[in-house]
């Protein structure tokens, strides 16, 4: 159970956002959505996601796409885009669990779809 709620902030700078998370806790989200599905995400794996993920994990946080640990993704190219969820381990874990629930619900819906 959470001890407090979070305020929503958007500084328009991933480095500043991660600095704030390291100082105060919280989570940074740039998840994938329908408009980003073809590109794979909004932030670049090698230039943005991995460096910040390394810092967060060294501070005992977590970094994920929601379905995979960011630092375990093998780059397919220098400009590969990925969804990013990073920050407090307990908060990122909650978001990963929501992805599991959604993915399970999506699979059961597609299994029930008429042929």
N, C-alpha and C. Protein backbone atom coordinates (compact mmCIF):
# COMPACT_ATOMS: atom_id res chain seq x y z
N UNK A 1 0.84 -1.19 0.00
CA UNK A 1 0.00 0.00 0.00
C UNK A 1 0.88 1.25 0.00
N UNK A 2 0.50 2.22 -0.77
CA UNK A 2 1.25 3.47 -0.84
C UNK A 2 1.09 4.28 0.42
N UNK A 3 2.16 4.93 0.80
CA UNK A 3 2.12 5.83 1.95
C UNK A 3 1.71 7.24 1.54
N UNK A 4 1.85 7.54 0.24
CA UNK A 4 1.50 8.88 -0.22
C UNK A 4 1.14 8.83 -1.70
N UNK A 5 0.47 9.85 -2.16
CA UNK A 5 0.15 9.99 -3.58
C UNK A 5 1.24 10.82 -4.24
N UNK A 6 1.31 10.73 -5.55
CA UNK A 6 2.29 11.50 -6.30
C UNK A 6 1.62 12.64 -7.03
N UNK A 7 2.33 13.72 -7.16
CA UNK A 7 1.89 14.81 -8.02
C UNK A 7 2.40 14.54 -9.42
N UNK A 8 1.65 14.99 -10.41
CA UNK A 8 2.10 14.81 -11.77
C UNK A 8 2.94 16.01 -12.17
N UNK A 9 4.12 15.74 -12.68
CA UNK A 9 5.03 16.78 -13.13
C UNK A 9 5.48 16.45 -14.53
N UNK A 10 5.77 17.47 -15.32
CA UNK A 10 6.34 17.28 -16.64
C UNK A 10 7.31 18.42 -16.87
N UNK A 11 8.59 18.09 -16.87
CA UNK A 11 9.62 19.11 -17.01
C UNK A 11 10.13 19.22 -18.44
N UNK A 12 9.75 18.30 -19.31
CA UNK A 12 10.17 18.26 -20.71
C UNK A 12 11.66 17.99 -20.86
N UNK A 13 12.26 17.38 -19.86
CA UNK A 13 13.66 17.00 -19.91
C UNK A 13 13.81 15.69 -19.13
N UNK A 14 14.16 14.63 -19.84
CA UNK A 14 14.27 13.34 -19.17
C UNK A 14 15.34 13.37 -18.08
N UNK A 15 16.44 14.04 -18.33
CA UNK A 15 17.51 14.12 -17.33
C UNK A 15 17.00 14.80 -16.07
N UNK A 16 16.29 15.91 -16.22
CA UNK A 16 15.74 16.62 -15.06
C UNK A 16 14.69 15.77 -14.34
N UNK A 17 13.88 15.05 -15.11
CA UNK A 17 12.86 14.18 -14.51
C UNK A 17 13.53 13.07 -13.69
N UNK A 18 14.58 12.45 -14.24
CA UNK A 18 15.26 11.37 -13.53
C UNK A 18 15.96 11.93 -12.28
N UNK A 19 16.52 13.11 -12.38
CA UNK A 19 17.15 13.73 -11.21
C UNK A 19 16.12 13.91 -10.11
N UNK A 20 14.95 14.39 -10.47
CA UNK A 20 13.88 14.60 -9.49
C UNK A 20 13.44 13.27 -8.87
N UNK A 21 13.34 12.22 -9.69
CA UNK A 21 12.95 10.90 -9.19
C UNK A 21 14.01 10.37 -8.23
N UNK A 22 15.29 10.58 -8.55
CA UNK A 22 16.35 10.12 -7.66
C UNK A 22 16.30 10.83 -6.31
N UNK A 23 15.91 12.10 -6.32
CA UNK A 23 15.84 12.86 -5.08
C UNK A 23 14.56 12.60 -4.28
N UNK A 24 13.44 12.53 -4.97
CA UNK A 24 12.14 12.50 -4.29
C UNK A 24 11.35 11.21 -4.47
N UNK A 25 11.81 10.32 -5.35
CA UNK A 25 11.05 9.11 -5.64
C UNK A 25 10.03 9.36 -6.73
N UNK A 26 9.32 8.34 -7.08
CA UNK A 26 8.30 8.47 -8.11
C UNK A 26 8.61 7.61 -9.32
N UNK A 27 7.96 7.95 -10.41
CA UNK A 27 8.09 7.14 -11.62
C UNK A 27 8.02 8.04 -12.85
N UNK A 28 8.77 7.68 -13.87
CA UNK A 28 8.78 8.37 -15.16
C UNK A 28 8.13 7.42 -16.16
N UNK A 29 7.15 7.91 -16.88
CA UNK A 29 6.43 7.07 -17.85
C UNK A 29 6.45 7.69 -19.24
N UNK A 30 6.86 6.91 -20.21
CA UNK A 30 6.64 7.26 -21.61
C UNK A 30 6.24 5.96 -22.28
N UNK A 31 5.03 5.46 -21.95
CA UNK A 31 4.61 4.15 -22.45
C UNK A 31 4.26 4.20 -23.93
N UNK A 32 4.13 3.02 -24.50
CA UNK A 32 3.73 2.94 -25.90
C UNK A 32 2.22 3.11 -25.99
N UNK A 33 1.76 3.67 -27.09
CA UNK A 33 0.32 3.77 -27.34
C UNK A 33 0.07 3.48 -28.81
N UNK A 34 -1.15 3.60 -29.24
CA UNK A 34 -1.49 3.25 -30.62
C UNK A 34 -0.70 4.07 -31.64
N UNK A 35 -0.47 5.34 -31.34
CA UNK A 35 0.23 6.20 -32.30
C UNK A 35 1.72 5.87 -32.40
N UNK A 36 2.27 5.21 -31.38
CA UNK A 36 3.70 4.89 -31.36
C UNK A 36 3.99 3.42 -31.66
N UNK A 37 2.95 2.62 -31.84
CA UNK A 37 3.15 1.17 -31.97
C UNK A 37 4.09 0.80 -33.12
N UNK A 38 3.97 1.44 -34.26
CA UNK A 38 4.82 1.09 -35.41
C UNK A 38 6.29 1.41 -35.16
N UNK A 39 6.56 2.53 -34.50
CA UNK A 39 7.96 2.92 -34.25
C UNK A 39 8.55 2.15 -33.07
N UNK A 40 7.71 1.60 -32.20
CA UNK A 40 8.19 0.84 -31.06
C UNK A 40 8.21 1.63 -29.77
N UNK A 41 8.04 2.93 -29.81
CA UNK A 41 8.07 3.76 -28.62
C UNK A 41 8.45 5.19 -28.97
N UNK A 42 8.78 5.97 -27.97
CA UNK A 42 9.07 7.38 -28.18
C UNK A 42 10.51 7.76 -27.85
N UNK A 43 11.17 7.00 -26.97
CA UNK A 43 12.53 7.34 -26.57
C UNK A 43 13.52 6.33 -27.15
N UNK A 44 14.72 6.80 -27.45
CA UNK A 44 15.72 5.93 -28.07
C UNK A 44 16.42 5.07 -27.01
N UNK A 45 16.53 3.80 -27.30
CA UNK A 45 17.11 2.83 -26.38
C UNK A 45 18.54 3.19 -25.99
N UNK A 46 19.40 3.42 -26.98
CA UNK A 46 20.82 3.62 -26.70
C UNK A 46 21.15 4.99 -26.14
N UNK A 47 20.44 6.03 -26.55
CA UNK A 47 20.80 7.40 -26.17
C UNK A 47 20.04 7.91 -24.95
N UNK A 48 18.84 7.40 -24.73
CA UNK A 48 18.00 7.94 -23.65
C UNK A 48 17.63 6.87 -22.61
N UNK A 49 17.04 5.78 -23.06
CA UNK A 49 16.51 4.78 -22.12
C UNK A 49 17.61 4.07 -21.34
N UNK A 50 18.62 3.54 -22.01
CA UNK A 50 19.65 2.77 -21.30
C UNK A 50 20.48 3.61 -20.33
N UNK A 51 20.96 4.79 -20.69
CA UNK A 51 21.73 5.57 -19.70
C UNK A 51 20.93 5.90 -18.44
N UNK A 52 19.68 6.31 -18.60
CA UNK A 52 18.86 6.64 -17.45
C UNK A 52 18.48 5.38 -16.67
N UNK A 53 18.28 4.27 -17.37
CA UNK A 53 17.97 3.00 -16.71
C UNK A 53 19.13 2.55 -15.84
N UNK A 54 20.34 2.71 -16.33
CA UNK A 54 21.51 2.33 -15.54
C UNK A 54 21.59 3.14 -14.25
N UNK A 55 21.37 4.45 -14.35
CA UNK A 55 21.39 5.29 -13.15
C UNK A 55 20.31 4.88 -12.15
N UNK A 56 19.10 4.69 -12.66
CA UNK A 56 17.98 4.32 -11.80
C UNK A 56 18.23 2.97 -11.13
N UNK A 57 18.71 1.99 -11.88
CA UNK A 57 18.94 0.68 -11.29
C UNK A 57 20.09 0.70 -10.29
N UNK A 58 21.09 1.54 -10.52
CA UNK A 58 22.18 1.67 -9.55
C UNK A 58 21.67 2.27 -8.24
N UNK A 59 20.59 3.02 -8.31
CA UNK A 59 19.96 3.60 -7.11
C UNK A 59 18.87 2.67 -6.56
N UNK A 60 18.87 1.41 -6.98
CA UNK A 60 17.93 0.37 -6.55
C UNK A 60 16.51 0.59 -7.04
N UNK A 61 16.35 1.28 -8.15
CA UNK A 61 15.05 1.41 -8.79
C UNK A 61 14.90 0.36 -9.88
N UNK A 62 13.89 0.54 -10.73
CA UNK A 62 13.64 -0.38 -11.84
C UNK A 62 13.42 0.41 -13.11
N UNK A 63 13.76 -0.23 -14.24
CA UNK A 63 13.53 0.36 -15.55
C UNK A 63 13.00 -0.72 -16.48
N UNK A 64 11.88 -0.45 -17.12
CA UNK A 64 11.20 -1.47 -17.90
C UNK A 64 10.46 -0.84 -19.08
N UNK A 65 10.10 -1.69 -20.03
CA UNK A 65 9.18 -1.26 -21.09
C UNK A 65 7.75 -1.54 -20.66
N UNK A 66 7.60 -2.23 -19.54
CA UNK A 66 6.31 -2.72 -19.09
C UNK A 66 6.23 -4.22 -19.32
N UNK A 67 7.07 -4.70 -20.24
CA UNK A 67 7.08 -6.13 -20.56
C UNK A 67 8.49 -6.73 -20.54
N UNK A 68 9.51 -5.87 -20.51
CA UNK A 68 10.89 -6.34 -20.49
C UNK A 68 11.78 -5.32 -19.77
N UNK A 69 12.82 -5.83 -19.11
CA UNK A 69 13.79 -4.94 -18.46
C UNK A 69 14.56 -4.20 -19.54
N UNK A 70 14.64 -2.89 -19.45
CA UNK A 70 15.26 -2.08 -20.49
C UNK A 70 16.72 -2.46 -20.74
N UNK A 71 17.48 -2.73 -19.69
CA UNK A 71 18.90 -3.04 -19.87
C UNK A 71 19.14 -4.42 -20.45
N UNK A 72 18.12 -5.23 -20.62
CA UNK A 72 18.26 -6.55 -21.22
C UNK A 72 17.86 -6.58 -22.69
N UNK A 73 17.41 -5.47 -23.23
CA UNK A 73 17.01 -5.42 -24.64
C UNK A 73 18.25 -5.30 -25.51
N UNK A 74 18.40 -6.23 -26.44
CA UNK A 74 19.52 -6.19 -27.38
C UNK A 74 19.17 -5.18 -28.48
N UNK A 75 19.98 -4.15 -28.66
CA UNK A 75 19.68 -3.13 -29.67
C UNK A 75 19.65 -3.72 -31.08
N UNK A 76 18.67 -3.30 -31.84
CA UNK A 76 18.54 -3.73 -33.24
C UNK A 76 19.15 -2.70 -34.18
N UNK A 77 19.43 -1.52 -33.65
CA UNK A 77 20.03 -0.46 -34.45
C UNK A 77 20.28 0.75 -33.56
N UNK A 78 21.04 1.72 -34.06
CA UNK A 78 21.40 2.86 -33.21
C UNK A 78 20.24 3.79 -32.84
N UNK A 79 19.16 3.73 -33.59
CA UNK A 79 18.04 4.64 -33.33
C UNK A 79 16.77 3.89 -32.94
N UNK A 80 16.91 2.72 -32.34
CA UNK A 80 15.75 1.92 -31.91
C UNK A 80 14.97 2.67 -30.85
N UNK A 81 13.65 2.73 -31.01
CA UNK A 81 12.75 3.41 -30.08
C UNK A 81 12.11 2.38 -29.15
N UNK A 82 11.91 2.77 -27.89
CA UNK A 82 11.29 1.87 -26.91
C UNK A 82 10.37 2.66 -25.97
N UNK A 83 9.36 1.98 -25.41
CA UNK A 83 8.61 2.60 -24.32
C UNK A 83 9.47 2.59 -23.06
N UNK A 84 9.28 3.56 -22.17
CA UNK A 84 10.12 3.66 -20.98
C UNK A 84 9.25 3.86 -19.74
N UNK A 85 9.50 3.03 -18.73
CA UNK A 85 8.90 3.17 -17.41
C UNK A 85 10.05 2.97 -16.43
N UNK A 86 10.38 4.00 -15.67
CA UNK A 86 11.49 3.85 -14.73
C UNK A 86 11.25 4.67 -13.48
N UNK A 87 11.89 4.23 -12.40
CA UNK A 87 11.76 4.95 -11.14
C UNK A 87 11.77 4.01 -9.96
N UNK A 88 11.01 4.36 -8.94
CA UNK A 88 10.90 3.59 -7.72
C UNK A 88 10.50 2.15 -8.04
N UNK A 89 11.25 1.19 -7.51
CA UNK A 89 11.02 -0.22 -7.83
C UNK A 89 9.59 -0.67 -7.55
N UNK A 90 9.03 -0.26 -6.43
CA UNK A 90 7.66 -0.70 -6.10
C UNK A 90 6.64 -0.11 -7.07
N UNK A 91 6.84 1.12 -7.50
CA UNK A 91 5.90 1.74 -8.44
C UNK A 91 6.02 1.13 -9.84
N UNK A 92 7.24 0.91 -10.30
CA UNK A 92 7.44 0.30 -11.62
C UNK A 92 6.88 -1.12 -11.60
N UNK A 93 7.08 -1.84 -10.51
CA UNK A 93 6.54 -3.19 -10.39
C UNK A 93 5.01 -3.19 -10.49
N UNK A 94 4.37 -2.20 -9.90
CA UNK A 94 2.91 -2.08 -10.01
C UNK A 94 2.48 -1.89 -11.45
N UNK A 95 3.22 -1.09 -12.20
CA UNK A 95 2.88 -0.84 -13.60
C UNK A 95 3.11 -2.08 -14.44
N UNK A 96 4.18 -2.82 -14.17
CA UNK A 96 4.44 -4.08 -14.86
C UNK A 96 3.29 -5.06 -14.61
N UNK A 97 2.81 -5.12 -13.39
CA UNK A 97 1.68 -5.99 -13.06
C UNK A 97 0.43 -5.58 -13.85
N UNK A 98 0.20 -4.30 -14.01
CA UNK A 98 -0.94 -3.83 -14.81
C UNK A 98 -0.78 -4.26 -16.28
N UNK A 99 0.44 -4.24 -16.79
CA UNK A 99 0.69 -4.74 -18.15
C UNK A 99 0.34 -6.23 -18.24
N UNK A 100 0.73 -7.01 -17.23
CA UNK A 100 0.42 -8.45 -17.22
C UNK A 100 -1.09 -8.68 -17.24
N UNK A 101 -1.80 -7.92 -16.42
CA UNK A 101 -3.26 -8.05 -16.36
C UNK A 101 -3.87 -7.67 -17.71
N UNK A 102 -3.44 -6.57 -18.28
CA UNK A 102 -3.96 -6.12 -19.58
C UNK A 102 -3.65 -7.13 -20.67
N UNK A 103 -2.41 -7.63 -20.71
CA UNK A 103 -2.03 -8.61 -21.73
C UNK A 103 -2.86 -9.88 -21.60
N UNK A 104 -3.11 -10.33 -20.37
CA UNK A 104 -3.95 -11.51 -20.16
C UNK A 104 -5.38 -11.27 -20.60
N UNK A 105 -5.90 -10.08 -20.31
CA UNK A 105 -7.27 -9.74 -20.74
C UNK A 105 -7.34 -9.64 -22.25
N UNK A 106 -6.31 -9.08 -22.88
CA UNK A 106 -6.29 -8.96 -24.35
C UNK A 106 -6.26 -10.32 -25.00
N UNK A 107 -5.48 -11.25 -24.44
CA UNK A 107 -5.40 -12.60 -25.00
C UNK A 107 -6.73 -13.32 -24.87
N UNK A 108 -7.39 -13.17 -23.73
CA UNK A 108 -8.67 -13.86 -23.54
C UNK A 108 -9.74 -13.23 -24.45
N UNK A 109 -9.68 -11.91 -24.69
CA UNK A 109 -10.63 -11.28 -25.60
C UNK A 109 -10.42 -11.78 -27.03
N UNK A 110 -9.16 -11.90 -27.47
CA UNK A 110 -8.89 -12.36 -28.83
C UNK A 110 -9.25 -13.83 -28.98
N UNK A 111 -9.15 -14.62 -27.92
CA UNK A 111 -9.53 -16.03 -27.97
C UNK A 111 -11.04 -16.18 -28.11
N UNK A 112 -11.81 -15.22 -27.56
CA UNK A 112 -13.26 -15.27 -27.64
C UNK A 112 -13.80 -14.63 -28.91
N UNK A 113 -12.96 -13.94 -29.67
CA UNK A 113 -13.42 -13.23 -30.86
C UNK A 113 -13.97 -14.23 -31.88
N UNK A 114 -15.09 -13.87 -32.53
CA UNK A 114 -15.66 -14.79 -33.53
C UNK A 114 -14.73 -14.94 -34.72
N UNK A 115 -14.70 -16.14 -35.28
CA UNK A 115 -13.83 -16.44 -36.42
C UNK A 115 -14.42 -15.98 -37.73
